[in-house]
C-alpha atoms as a PDB file:
ATOM      1  CA  MET A   1       0.000   0.000   0.000  1.00  0.00           C
ATOM      2  CA  ASP A   2       1.363   3.365  -0.991  1.00  0.00           C
ATOM      3  CA  ARG A   3       1.044   5.861   1.852  1.00  0.00           C
ATOM      4  CA  ASN A   4       1.556   8.750  -0.569  1.00  0.00           C
ATOM      5  CA  ARG A   5      -1.400   7.636  -2.672  1.00  0.00           C
ATOM      6  CA  LEU A   6      -3.707   7.604   0.357  1.00  0.00           C
ATOM      7  CA  GLU A   7      -2.447  10.964   1.604  1.00  0.00           C
ATOM      8  CA  GLU A   8      -2.871  12.541  -1.827  1.00  0.00           C
ATOM      9  CA  ARG A   9      -6.396  11.164  -2.248  1.00  0.00           C
ATOM     10  CA  LYS A  10      -7.389  12.277   1.273  1.00  0.00           C
ATOM     11  CA  LYS A  11      -6.036  15.766   0.610  1.00  0.00           C
ATOM     12  CA  ASP A  12      -7.935  16.001  -2.689  1.00  0.00           C
ATOM     13  CA  PHE A  13     -11.153  14.743  -1.067  1.00  0.00           C
ATOM     14  CA  GLN A  14     -10.889  17.117   1.885  1.00  0.00           C
ATOM     15  CA  ALA A  15     -10.247  20.056  -0.459  1.00  0.00           C
ATOM     16  CA  ALA A  16     -13.196  19.071  -2.660  1.00  0.00           C
ATOM     17  CA  VAL A  17     -15.481  18.942   0.388  1.00  0.00           C
ATOM     18  CA  ALA A  18     -14.273  22.402   1.452  1.00  0.00           C
ATOM     19  CA  ARG A  19     -15.080  23.749  -2.029  1.00  0.00           C
ATOM     20  CA  LEU A  20     -18.511  22.089  -1.954  1.00  0.00           C
ATOM     21  CA  ASP A  21     -19.175  23.685   1.438  1.00  0.00           C
ATOM     22  CA  GLU A  22     -18.091  27.043   0.044  1.00  0.00           C
ATOM     23  CA  ALA A  23     -20.475  26.717  -2.915  1.00  0.00           C
ATOM     24  CA  CYS A  24     -23.375  25.597  -0.694  1.00  0.00           C
ATOM     25  CA  ARG A  25     -23.026  28.797   1.352  1.00  0.00           C
ATOM     26  CA  LEU A  26     -23.617  31.032  -1.680  1.00  0.00           C
ATOM     27  CA  PRO A  27     -27.066  32.480  -2.396  1.00  0.00           C
ATOM     28  CA  SER A  28     -29.017  30.085  -4.580  1.00  0.00           C
ATOM     29  CA  ASP A  29     -29.299  30.708  -8.304  1.00  0.00           C
ATOM     30  CA  PRO A  30     -29.038  28.408 -11.354  1.00  0.00           C
ATOM     31  CA  ILE A  31     -25.286  28.914 -11.774  1.00  0.00           C
ATOM     32  CA  VAL A  32     -24.597  28.207  -8.095  1.00  0.00           C
ATOM     33  CA  ARG A  33     -26.897  25.174  -8.243  1.00  0.00           C
ATOM     34  CA  ASP A  34     -25.017  23.773 -11.224  1.00  0.00           C
ATOM     35  CA  SER A  35     -21.682  24.449  -9.520  1.00  0.00           C
ATOM     36  CA  VAL A  36     -22.838  22.676  -6.350  1.00  0.00           C
ATOM     37  CA  ILE A  37     -23.944  19.658  -8.387  1.00  0.00           C
ATOM     38  CA  GLN A  38     -20.590  19.525 -10.202  1.00  0.00           C
ATOM     39  CA  ARG A  39     -18.673  19.773  -6.933  1.00  0.00           C
ATOM     40  CA  PHE A  40     -20.909  17.051  -5.496  1.00  0.00           C
ATOM     41  CA  GLU A  41     -19.870  14.798  -8.385  1.00  0.00           C
ATOM     42  CA  PHE A  42     -16.188  15.486  -7.633  1.00  0.00           C
ATOM     43  CA  CYS A  43     -16.736  14.713  -3.945  1.00  0.00           C
ATOM     44  CA  TRP A  44     -18.575  11.499  -4.747  1.00  0.00           C
ATOM     45  CA  GLU A  45     -15.766  10.190  -6.930  1.00  0.00           C
ATOM     46  CA  LEU A  46     -13.079  11.168  -4.442  1.00  0.00           C
ATOM     47  CA  ALA A  47     -15.057   9.768  -1.484  1.00  0.00           C
ATOM     48  CA  TRP A  48     -15.435   6.294  -2.900  1.00  0.00           C
ATOM     49  CA  LYS A  49     -11.872   6.196  -4.214  1.00  0.00           C
ATOM     50  CA  THR A  50     -10.455   7.347  -0.864  1.00  0.00           C
ATOM     51  CA  LEU A  51     -12.553   4.774   0.981  1.00  0.00           C
ATOM     52  CA  ASN A  52     -11.455   2.148  -1.520  1.00  0.00           C
ATOM     53  CA  ILE A  53      -7.773   2.791  -0.819  1.00  0.00           C
ATOM     54  CA  TRP A  54      -8.335   2.681   2.943  1.00  0.00           C
ATOM     55  CA  LEU A  55     -10.452  -0.485   2.765  1.00  0.00           C
ATOM     56  CA  ASN A  56      -7.783  -2.162   0.648  1.00  0.00           C
ATOM     57  CA  TYR A  57      -5.228  -1.233   3.300  1.00  0.00           C
ATOM     58  CA  LEU A  58      -7.520  -2.853   5.892  1.00  0.00           C
ATOM     59  CA  GLY A  59      -7.589  -6.015   3.763  1.00  0.00           C
ATOM     60  CA  VAL A  60     -11.027  -5.543   2.199  1.00  0.00           C
ATOM     61  CA  ASP A  61     -10.989  -5.962  -1.583  1.00  0.00           C
ATOM     62  CA  VAL A  62     -13.642  -3.799  -3.267  1.00  0.00           C
ATOM     63  CA  GLN A  63     -13.714  -2.536  -6.831  1.00  0.00           C
ATOM     64  CA  ASN A  64     -16.788  -0.335  -7.328  1.00  0.00           C
ATOM     65  CA  PRO A  65     -18.639   2.428  -5.479  1.00  0.00           C
ATOM     66  CA  ARG A  66     -21.594   0.324  -4.317  1.00  0.00           C
ATOM     67  CA  ASP A  67     -19.392  -2.384  -2.773  1.00  0.00           C
ATOM     68  CA  THR A  68     -17.025   0.222  -1.370  1.00  0.00           C
ATOM     69  CA  PHE A  69     -19.784   2.048   0.494  1.00  0.00           C
ATOM     70  CA  ARG A  70     -21.351  -1.201   1.711  1.00  0.00           C
ATOM     71  CA  GLU A  71     -18.031  -2.382   3.122  1.00  0.00           C
ATOM     72  CA  ALA A  72     -17.268   1.074   4.530  1.00  0.00           C
ATOM     73  CA  TYR A  73     -20.546   0.894   6.441  1.00  0.00           C
ATOM     74  CA  ASN A  74     -19.747  -2.628   7.646  1.00  0.00           C
ATOM     75  CA  ALA A  75     -16.329  -1.401   8.831  1.00  0.00           C
ATOM     76  CA  GLY A  76     -17.847   1.573  10.677  1.00  0.00           C
ATOM     77  CA  LEU A  77     -16.230   4.134   8.377  1.00  0.00           C
ATOM     78  CA  ILE A  78     -19.576   5.705   7.479  1.00  0.00           C
ATOM     79  CA  ALA A  79     -22.513   5.974   9.853  1.00  0.00           C
ATOM     80  CA  ASP A  80     -25.690   5.722   7.781  1.00  0.00           C
ATOM     81  CA  GLY A  81     -25.651   3.234   4.930  1.00  0.00           C
ATOM     82  CA  ASN A  82     -29.144   4.212   3.803  1.00  0.00           C
ATOM     83  CA  LEU A  83     -28.233   7.873   3.390  1.00  0.00           C
ATOM     84  CA  TRP A  84     -25.094   6.941   1.461  1.00  0.00           C
ATOM     85  CA  SER A  85     -27.260   4.722  -0.738  1.00  0.00           C
ATOM     86  CA  ASP A  86     -29.568   7.697  -1.307  1.00  0.00           C
ATOM     87  CA  MET A  87     -26.526   9.764  -2.175  1.00  0.00           C
ATOM     88  CA  GLN A  88     -25.422   7.176  -4.728  1.00  0.00           C
ATOM     89  CA  LYS A  89     -28.869   7.416  -6.332  1.00  0.00           C
ATOM     90  CA  MET A  90     -28.524  11.190  -6.482  1.00  0.00           C
ATOM     91  CA  ARG A  91     -25.079  10.845  -8.053  1.00  0.00           C
ATOM     92  CA  ASN A  92     -26.500   8.509 -10.678  1.00  0.00           C
ATOM     93  CA  LEU A  93     -29.245  11.034 -11.456  1.00  0.00           C
ATOM     94  CA  THR A  94     -26.683  13.749 -12.171  1.00  0.00           C
ATOM     95  CA  SER A  95     -25.227  11.806 -15.069  1.00  0.00           C
ATOM     96  CA  HIS A  96     -28.482  11.510 -16.995  1.00  0.00           C
ATOM     97  CA  THR A  97     -30.249  13.962 -19.249  1.00  0.00           C
ATOM     98  CA  TYR A  98     -30.377  17.396 -17.684  1.00  0.00           C
ATOM     99  CA  ASN A  99     -33.730  18.282 -16.160  1.00  0.00           C
ATOM    100  CA  GLU A 100     -34.407  21.453 -14.119  1.00  0.00           C
ATOM    101  CA  GLN A 101     -36.718  19.754 -11.615  1.00  0.00           C
ATOM    102  CA  LEU A 102     -34.248  16.928 -11.101  1.00  0.00           C
ATOM    103  CA  ALA A 103     -31.400  19.426 -10.703  1.00  0.00           C
ATOM    104  CA  GLU A 104     -33.352  21.195  -7.945  1.00  0.00           C
ATOM    105  CA  GLU A 105     -34.022  17.881  -6.194  1.00  0.00           C
ATOM    106  CA  VAL A 106     -30.342  16.916  -6.293  1.00  0.00           C
ATOM    107  CA  TYR A 107     -29.277  20.417  -5.206  1.00  0.00           C
ATOM    108  CA  SER A 108     -31.601  20.304  -2.191  1.00  0.00           C
ATOM    109  CA  PHE A 109     -30.342  16.845  -1.224  1.00  0.00           C
ATOM    110  CA  ILE A 110     -26.734  18.001  -1.405  1.00  0.00           C
ATOM    111  CA  ARG A 111     -27.357  21.040   0.786  1.00  0.00           C
ATOM    112  CA  GLU A 112     -29.553  19.216   3.306  1.00  0.00           C
ATOM    113  CA  THR A 113     -27.809  15.824   3.507  1.00  0.00           C
ATOM    114  CA  GLY A 114     -24.909  15.204   1.148  1.00  0.00           C
ATOM    115  CA  LEU A 115     -22.595  17.931   2.387  1.00  0.00           C
ATOM    116  CA  GLY A 116     -22.926  16.694   5.971  1.00  0.00           C
ATOM    117  CA  LEU A 117     -22.091  13.126   4.970  1.00  0.00           C
ATOM    118  CA  PHE A 118     -19.048  14.234   3.004  1.00  0.00           C
ATOM    119  CA  THR A 119     -17.909  16.521   5.822  1.00  0.00           C
ATOM    120  CA  ALA A 120     -18.129  13.710   8.388  1.00  0.00           C
ATOM    121  CA  LEU A 121     -16.162  11.381   6.115  1.00  0.00           C
ATOM    122  CA  ALA A 122     -13.526  14.040   5.425  1.00  0.00           C
ATOM    123  CA  GLU A 123     -13.055  14.522   9.171  1.00  0.00           C
ATOM    124  CA  LYS A 124     -12.841  10.786   9.790  1.00  0.00           C
ATOM    125  CA  SER A 125     -10.318  10.387   6.961  1.00  0.00           C
ATOM    126  CA  ARG A 126      -7.931  12.743   8.765  1.00  0.00           C
ATOM    127  CA  THR A 127      -7.315   9.929  11.272  1.00  0.00           C
ATOM    128  CA  TRP A 128      -6.318   7.356   8.639  1.00  0.00           C
ATOM    129  CA  THR A 129      -2.584   6.827   8.442  1.00  0.00           C
ATOM    130  CA  ILE A 130      -0.440   4.085   7.000  1.00  0.00           C
ATOM    131  CA  ASP A 131       2.713   3.157   8.838  1.00  0.00           C
ATOM    132  CA  ASP A 132       5.673   2.145   6.712  1.00  0.00           C
END
């Protein structure tokens, strides 16, 4: 396991969460909404990839987001598996045909739930270290 790879991924994830938080604090308008959704997508990708590296270090072999989040829940790395499952559904919705109503639904979810989940994971990830 490459400690540098984990540290780099954690740093990228934590920075992405900070940028998502920053965007969520801005007054709502269509451009801000779209920016929040894009930053959410970045956070999602970095979250599962960071968890994947850490789970692999712990000896758990996972290859995709769904399995990664399931095993992260089983390992106590994330607290609410159902909310993370909801977040995965929201992430999947963002990659389909653009729809204003859907964008508003995803935006609301991110501000009300997603940001908090990412923030908690970013804080927890600060404690993950690999000894050489």
